[in-house]
Amino acid sequence: MPWFLLLAFGIGVGILGGILGIGGGVVLVPGLILLFGFTQQEAQGTSLAVMIPPIGLFAALVYYQHGFVRLPVVGMIALGFMIGAFFGAKLVPHVPLAMLRILFGILLLYIGFAFILSPRGSGGQSALPAGIAAVVSGIIAFVLRRPRPPRRPLDRPSKDLDYHI
């Protein structure tokens, strides 16, 4: 992989992370899979490795300077994140790849629908409709991606076969 493409991708993810507070799961994982051919597990592991403190530290400092960081909350969530990430990473080898991709896709759909259905931030009212929309979309996608039997080709015209229009 050319280093300059990875660097450009990292800059793009960094800009989105700095602007929207996203990156790892929303942009980095799908980007590594779709643009660079990573497996789901490789993309998730790489994303977690990228999020090691020095990367987010600089953006977090700017947010902190503007009063947008609640330090007591950071400590508790970081502790929970460390514990949860450890056990979640232990589960990855035991979960089939197809299930990881489906769960990841449904999560992204849910987040997207929650933001679309509640653009002003009253998330509690949109949680159920967003969940239903994500599950229904996931089911539709699952049905549409299922392999279908190939269509039988039409018989070639011959003297023994009559065609009527």
C-alpha atoms as a PDB file:
ATOM      1  CA  MET A   1       0.000   0.000   0.000  1.00  0.00           C
ATOM      2  CA  PRO A   2       1.424   3.382  -0.938  1.00  0.00           C
ATOM      3  CA  TRP A   3       2.215   5.401   2.170  1.00  0.00           C
ATOM      4  CA  PHE A   4       0.884   8.623   0.658  1.00  0.00           C
ATOM      5  CA  LEU A   5      -2.601   7.107   0.147  1.00  0.00           C
ATOM      6  CA  LEU A   6      -2.645   5.935   3.753  1.00  0.00           C
ATOM      7  CA  LEU A   7      -1.434   9.362   4.891  1.00  0.00           C
ATOM      8  CA  ALA A   8      -4.108  11.136   2.801  1.00  0.00           C
ATOM      9  CA  PHE A   9      -6.764   8.795   4.170  1.00  0.00           C
ATOM     10  CA  GLY A  10      -5.529   9.450   7.706  1.00  0.00           C
ATOM     11  CA  ILE A  11      -5.684  13.210   7.129  1.00  0.00           C
ATOM     12  CA  GLY A  12      -9.258  12.882   5.851  1.00  0.00           C
ATOM     13  CA  VAL A  13     -10.299  10.745   8.818  1.00  0.00           C
ATOM     14  CA  GLY A  14      -8.527  13.187  11.149  1.00  0.00           C
ATOM     15  CA  ILE A  15     -10.394  16.159   9.685  1.00  0.00           C
ATOM     16  CA  LEU A  16     -13.715  14.357  10.093  1.00  0.00           C
ATOM     17  CA  GLY A  17     -12.733  13.286  13.605  1.00  0.00           C
ATOM     18  CA  GLY A  18     -11.798  16.838  14.537  1.00  0.00           C
ATOM     19  CA  ILE A  19     -14.972  18.318  13.076  1.00  0.00           C
ATOM     20  CA  LEU A  20     -17.540  15.671  13.989  1.00  0.00           C
ATOM     21  CA  GLY A  21     -15.877  13.702  16.786  1.00  0.00           C
ATOM     22  CA  ILE A  22     -15.984  10.502  14.729  1.00  0.00           C
ATOM     23  CA  GLY A  23     -13.411   8.381  13.028  1.00  0.00           C
ATOM     24  CA  GLY A  24     -12.750   4.867  14.250  1.00  0.00           C
ATOM     25  CA  GLY A  25     -15.962   2.990  13.676  1.00  0.00           C
ATOM     26  CA  VAL A  26     -17.778   5.353  11.392  1.00  0.00           C
ATOM     27  CA  VAL A  27     -15.067   6.261   8.871  1.00  0.00           C
ATOM     28  CA  LEU A  28     -11.821   4.420   9.538  1.00  0.00           C
ATOM     29  CA  VAL A  29     -13.141   0.839   9.652  1.00  0.00           C
ATOM     30  CA  PRO A  30     -15.305   1.089   6.497  1.00  0.00           C
ATOM     31  CA  GLY A  31     -12.556   3.008   4.700  1.00  0.00           C
ATOM     32  CA  LEU A  32      -9.905   0.396   5.442  1.00  0.00           C
ATOM     33  CA  ILE A  33     -12.241  -2.352   4.228  1.00  0.00           C
ATOM     34  CA  LEU A  34     -13.560  -0.649   1.109  1.00  0.00           C
ATOM     35  CA  LEU A  35     -10.504   1.325   0.000  1.00  0.00           C
ATOM     36  CA  PHE A  36      -7.598  -0.828   1.167  1.00  0.00           C
ATOM     37  CA  GLY A  37      -9.036  -4.372   1.184  1.00  0.00           C
ATOM     38  CA  PHE A  38      -8.679  -5.026   4.918  1.00  0.00           C
ATOM     39  CA  THR A  39     -10.755  -7.755   6.547  1.00  0.00           C
ATOM     40  CA  GLN A  40     -13.292  -6.632   9.154  1.00  0.00           C
ATOM     41  CA  GLN A  41     -11.041  -7.872  11.952  1.00  0.00           C
ATOM     42  CA  GLU A  42      -7.939  -6.180  10.512  1.00  0.00           C
ATOM     43  CA  ALA A  43      -9.811  -2.900  10.097  1.00  0.00           C
ATOM     44  CA  GLN A  44     -11.180  -3.004  13.644  1.00  0.00           C
ATOM     45  CA  GLY A  45      -7.781  -3.834  15.142  1.00  0.00           C
ATOM     46  CA  THR A  46      -6.037  -1.143  13.111  1.00  0.00           C
ATOM     47  CA  SER A  47      -8.694   1.390  14.112  1.00  0.00           C
ATOM     48  CA  LEU A  48      -8.204   0.612  17.802  1.00  0.00           C
ATOM     49  CA  ALA A  49      -4.423   0.891  17.431  1.00  0.00           C
ATOM     50  CA  VAL A  50      -4.803   4.276  15.721  1.00  0.00           C
ATOM     51  CA  MET A  51      -6.924   5.618  18.584  1.00  0.00           C
ATOM     52  CA  ILE A  52      -4.097   5.206  21.109  1.00  0.00           C
ATOM     53  CA  PRO A  53      -3.929   8.451  23.134  1.00  0.00           C
ATOM     54  CA  PRO A  54      -1.419  10.581  21.179  1.00  0.00           C
ATOM     55  CA  ILE A  55      -3.756  10.786  18.183  1.00  0.00           C
ATOM     56  CA  GLY A  56      -6.885  12.011  19.934  1.00  0.00           C
ATOM     57  CA  LEU A  57      -4.962  14.011  22.515  1.00  0.00           C
ATOM     58  CA  PHE A  58      -4.355  17.021  20.265  1.00  0.00           C
ATOM     59  CA  ALA A  59      -7.970  17.357  19.175  1.00  0.00           C
ATOM     60  CA  ALA A  60      -9.172  16.777  22.739  1.00  0.00           C
ATOM     61  CA  LEU A  61      -6.914  19.600  23.970  1.00  0.00           C
ATOM     62  CA  VAL A  62      -8.507  22.045  21.542  1.00  0.00           C
ATOM     63  CA  TYR A  63     -11.983  20.926  22.599  1.00  0.00           C
ATOM     64  CA  TYR A  64     -10.920  21.270  26.259  1.00  0.00           C
ATOM     65  CA  GLN A  65      -9.647  24.817  25.667  1.00  0.00           C
ATOM     66  CA  HIS A  66     -13.113  25.739  24.412  1.00  0.00           C
ATOM     67  CA  GLY A  67     -14.839  24.143  27.413  1.00  0.00           C
ATOM     68  CA  PHE A  68     -16.279  21.177  25.507  1.00  0.00           C
ATOM     69  CA  VAL A  69     -14.741  18.372  27.603  1.00  0.00           C
ATOM     70  CA  ARG A  70     -16.197  17.109  30.899  1.00  0.00           C
ATOM     71  CA  LEU A  71     -13.174  15.598  32.640  1.00  0.00           C
ATOM     72  CA  PRO A  72     -14.953  13.414  35.265  1.00  0.00           C
ATOM     73  CA  VAL A  73     -17.001  11.846  32.476  1.00  0.00           C
ATOM     74  CA  VAL A  74     -13.847  11.215  30.413  1.00  0.00           C
ATOM     75  CA  GLY A  75     -12.261   9.200  33.234  1.00  0.00           C
ATOM     76  CA  MET A  76     -15.237   6.922  33.814  1.00  0.00           C
ATOM     77  CA  ILE A  77     -15.947   6.332  30.126  1.00  0.00           C
ATOM     78  CA  ALA A  78     -12.249   5.703  29.397  1.00  0.00           C
ATOM     79  CA  LEU A  79     -12.089   3.131  32.183  1.00  0.00           C
ATOM     80  CA  GLY A  80     -15.240   1.428  30.920  1.00  0.00           C
ATOM     81  CA  PHE A  81     -13.990   1.626  27.332  1.00  0.00           C
ATOM     82  CA  MET A  82     -10.713  -0.079  28.286  1.00  0.00           C
ATOM     83  CA  ILE A  83     -12.487  -2.916  30.080  1.00  0.00           C
ATOM     84  CA  GLY A  84     -15.133  -3.328  27.354  1.00  0.00           C
ATOM     85  CA  ALA A  85     -12.617  -3.121  24.496  1.00  0.00           C
ATOM     86  CA  PHE A  86     -10.471  -5.810  26.104  1.00  0.00           C
ATOM     87  CA  PHE A  87     -13.354  -8.272  26.426  1.00  0.00           C
ATOM     88  CA  GLY A  88     -14.819  -7.304  23.049  1.00  0.00           C
ATOM     89  CA  ALA A  89     -11.463  -7.971  21.385  1.00  0.00           C
ATOM     90  CA  LYS A  90     -11.353 -11.377  23.091  1.00  0.00           C
ATOM     91  CA  LEU A  91     -14.736 -12.225  21.477  1.00  0.00           C
ATOM     92  CA  VAL A  92     -13.804 -11.243  17.888  1.00  0.00           C
ATOM     93  CA  PRO A  93     -12.100 -14.550  16.950  1.00  0.00           C
ATOM     94  CA  HIS A  94     -15.234 -16.433  18.018  1.00  0.00           C
ATOM     95  CA  VAL A  95     -17.773 -14.373  16.038  1.00  0.00           C
ATOM     96  CA  PRO A  96     -18.249 -15.255  12.351  1.00  0.00           C
ATOM     97  CA  LEU A  97     -17.149 -12.564   9.887  1.00  0.00           C
ATOM     98  CA  ALA A  98     -20.618 -12.318   8.340  1.00  0.00           C
ATOM     99  CA  MET A  99     -22.152 -11.658  11.768  1.00  0.00           C
ATOM    100  CA  LEU A 100     -19.558  -8.946  12.533  1.00  0.00           C
ATOM    101  CA  ARG A 101     -20.355  -7.197   9.271  1.00  0.00           C
ATOM    102  CA  ILE A 102     -24.125  -7.427   9.771  1.00  0.00           C
ATOM    103  CA  LEU A 103     -23.931  -6.121  13.348  1.00  0.00           C
ATOM    104  CA  PHE A 104     -21.596  -3.312  12.300  1.00  0.00           C
ATOM    105  CA  GLY A 105     -23.887  -2.323   9.426  1.00  0.00           C
ATOM    106  CA  ILE A 106     -27.019  -2.353  11.589  1.00  0.00           C
ATOM    107  CA  LEU A 107     -25.238  -0.219  14.190  1.00  0.00           C
ATOM    108  CA  LEU A 108     -24.287   2.346  11.535  1.00  0.00           C
ATOM    109  CA  LEU A 109     -27.848   2.317  10.188  1.00  0.00           C
ATOM    110  CA  TYR A 110     -29.244   2.866  13.671  1.00  0.00           C
ATOM    111  CA  ILE A 111     -26.914   5.794  14.313  1.00  0.00           C
ATOM    112  CA  GLY A 112     -27.761   7.292  10.935  1.00  0.00           C
ATOM    113  CA  PHE A 113     -31.511   6.958  11.424  1.00  0.00           C
ATOM    114  CA  ALA A 114     -31.281   8.357  14.968  1.00  0.00           C
ATOM    115  CA  PHE A 115     -29.537  11.474  13.656  1.00  0.00           C
ATOM    116  CA  ILE A 116     -31.884  11.860  10.696  1.00  0.00           C
ATOM    117  CA  LEU A 117     -35.056  11.386  12.737  1.00  0.00           C
ATOM    118  CA  SER A 118     -33.896  13.731  15.501  1.00  0.00           C
ATOM    119  CA  PRO A 119     -31.706  16.462  13.996  1.00  0.00           C
ATOM    120  CA  ARG A 120     -32.157  18.777  17.000  1.00  0.00           C
ATOM    121  CA  GLY A 121     -30.804  16.292  19.521  1.00  0.00           C
ATOM    122  CA  SER A 122     -33.886  14.979  21.361  1.00  0.00           C
ATOM    123  CA  GLY A 123     -32.560  11.453  20.962  1.00  0.00           C
ATOM    124  CA  GLY A 124     -34.936   9.705  23.344  1.00  0.00           C
ATOM    125  CA  GLN A 125     -37.928  10.213  21.076  1.00  0.00           C
ATOM    126  CA  SER A 126     -36.166   8.843  18.002  1.00  0.00           C
ATOM    127  CA  ALA A 127     -34.555   5.767  19.589  1.00  0.00           C
ATOM    128  CA  LEU A 128     -37.380   3.323  18.878  1.00  0.00           C
ATOM    129  CA  PRO A 129     -38.170   4.530  15.328  1.00  0.00           C
ATOM    130  CA  ALA A 130     -34.441   4.549  14.518  1.00  0.00           C
ATOM    131  CA  GLY A 131     -34.065   1.012  15.892  1.00  0.00           C
ATOM    132  CA  ILE A 132     -37.031  -0.245  13.900  1.00  0.00           C
ATOM    133  CA  ALA A 133     -35.792   1.459  10.726  1.00  0.00           C
ATOM    134  CA  ALA A 134     -32.300  -0.009  11.196  1.00  0.00           C
ATOM    135  CA  VAL A 135     -33.591  -3.545  11.776  1.00  0.00           C
ATOM    136  CA  VAL A 136     -36.014  -3.357   8.834  1.00  0.00           C
ATOM    137  CA  SER A 137     -33.239  -1.976   6.599  1.00  0.00           C
ATOM    138  CA  GLY A 138     -30.917  -4.738   7.785  1.00  0.00           C
ATOM    139  CA  ILE A 139     -33.514  -7.409   7.002  1.00  0.00           C
ATOM    140  CA  ILE A 140     -34.137  -5.937   3.541  1.00  0.00           C
ATOM    141  CA  ALA A 141     -30.394  -5.830   2.866  1.00  0.00           C
ATOM    142  CA  PHE A 142     -30.004  -9.416   4.074  1.00  0.00           C
ATOM    143  CA  VAL A 143     -32.803 -10.605   1.773  1.00  0.00           C
ATOM    144  CA  LEU A 144     -31.454  -8.660  -1.207  1.00  0.00           C
ATOM    145  CA  ARG A 145     -27.906  -9.984  -0.772  1.00  0.00           C
ATOM    146  CA  ARG A 146     -28.926 -13.636  -0.551  1.00  0.00           C
ATOM    147  CA  PRO A 147     -27.722 -15.607  -3.553  1.00  0.00           C
ATOM    148  CA  ARG A 148     -30.468 -16.425  -6.005  1.00  0.00           C
ATOM    149  CA  PRO A 149     -30.492 -19.402  -8.325  1.00  0.00           C
ATOM    150  CA  PRO A 150     -29.324 -18.447 -11.795  1.00  0.00           C
ATOM    151  CA  ARG A 151     -32.035 -17.895 -14.352  1.00  0.00           C
ATOM    152  CA  ARG A 152     -32.366 -20.626 -16.906  1.00  0.00           C
ATOM    153  CA  PRO A 153     -31.370 -19.264 -20.296  1.00  0.00           C
ATOM    154  CA  LEU A 154     -34.043 -19.169 -22.948  1.00  0.00           C
ATOM    155  CA  ASP A 155     -33.977 -21.938 -25.501  1.00  0.00           C
ATOM    156  CA  ARG A 156     -32.406 -20.958 -28.774  1.00  0.00           C
ATOM    157  CA  PRO A 157     -34.820 -20.695 -31.665  1.00  0.00           C
ATOM    158  CA  SER A 158     -35.042 -23.855 -33.722  1.00  0.00           C
ATOM    159  CA  LYS A 159     -37.294 -25.483 -36.286  1.00  0.00           C
ATOM    160  CA  ASP A 160     -38.891 -27.603 -33.547  1.00  0.00           C
ATOM    161  CA  LEU A 161     -39.811 -24.674 -31.306  1.00  0.00           C
ATOM    162  CA  ASP A 162     -42.622 -22.255 -32.186  1.00  0.00           C
ATOM    163  CA  TYR A 163     -42.663 -18.720 -30.879  1.00  0.00           C
ATOM    164  CA  HIS A 164     -45.930 -16.803 -30.740  1.00  0.00           C
ATOM    165  CA  ILE A 165     -46.088 -13.077 -30.202  1.00  0.00           C
END
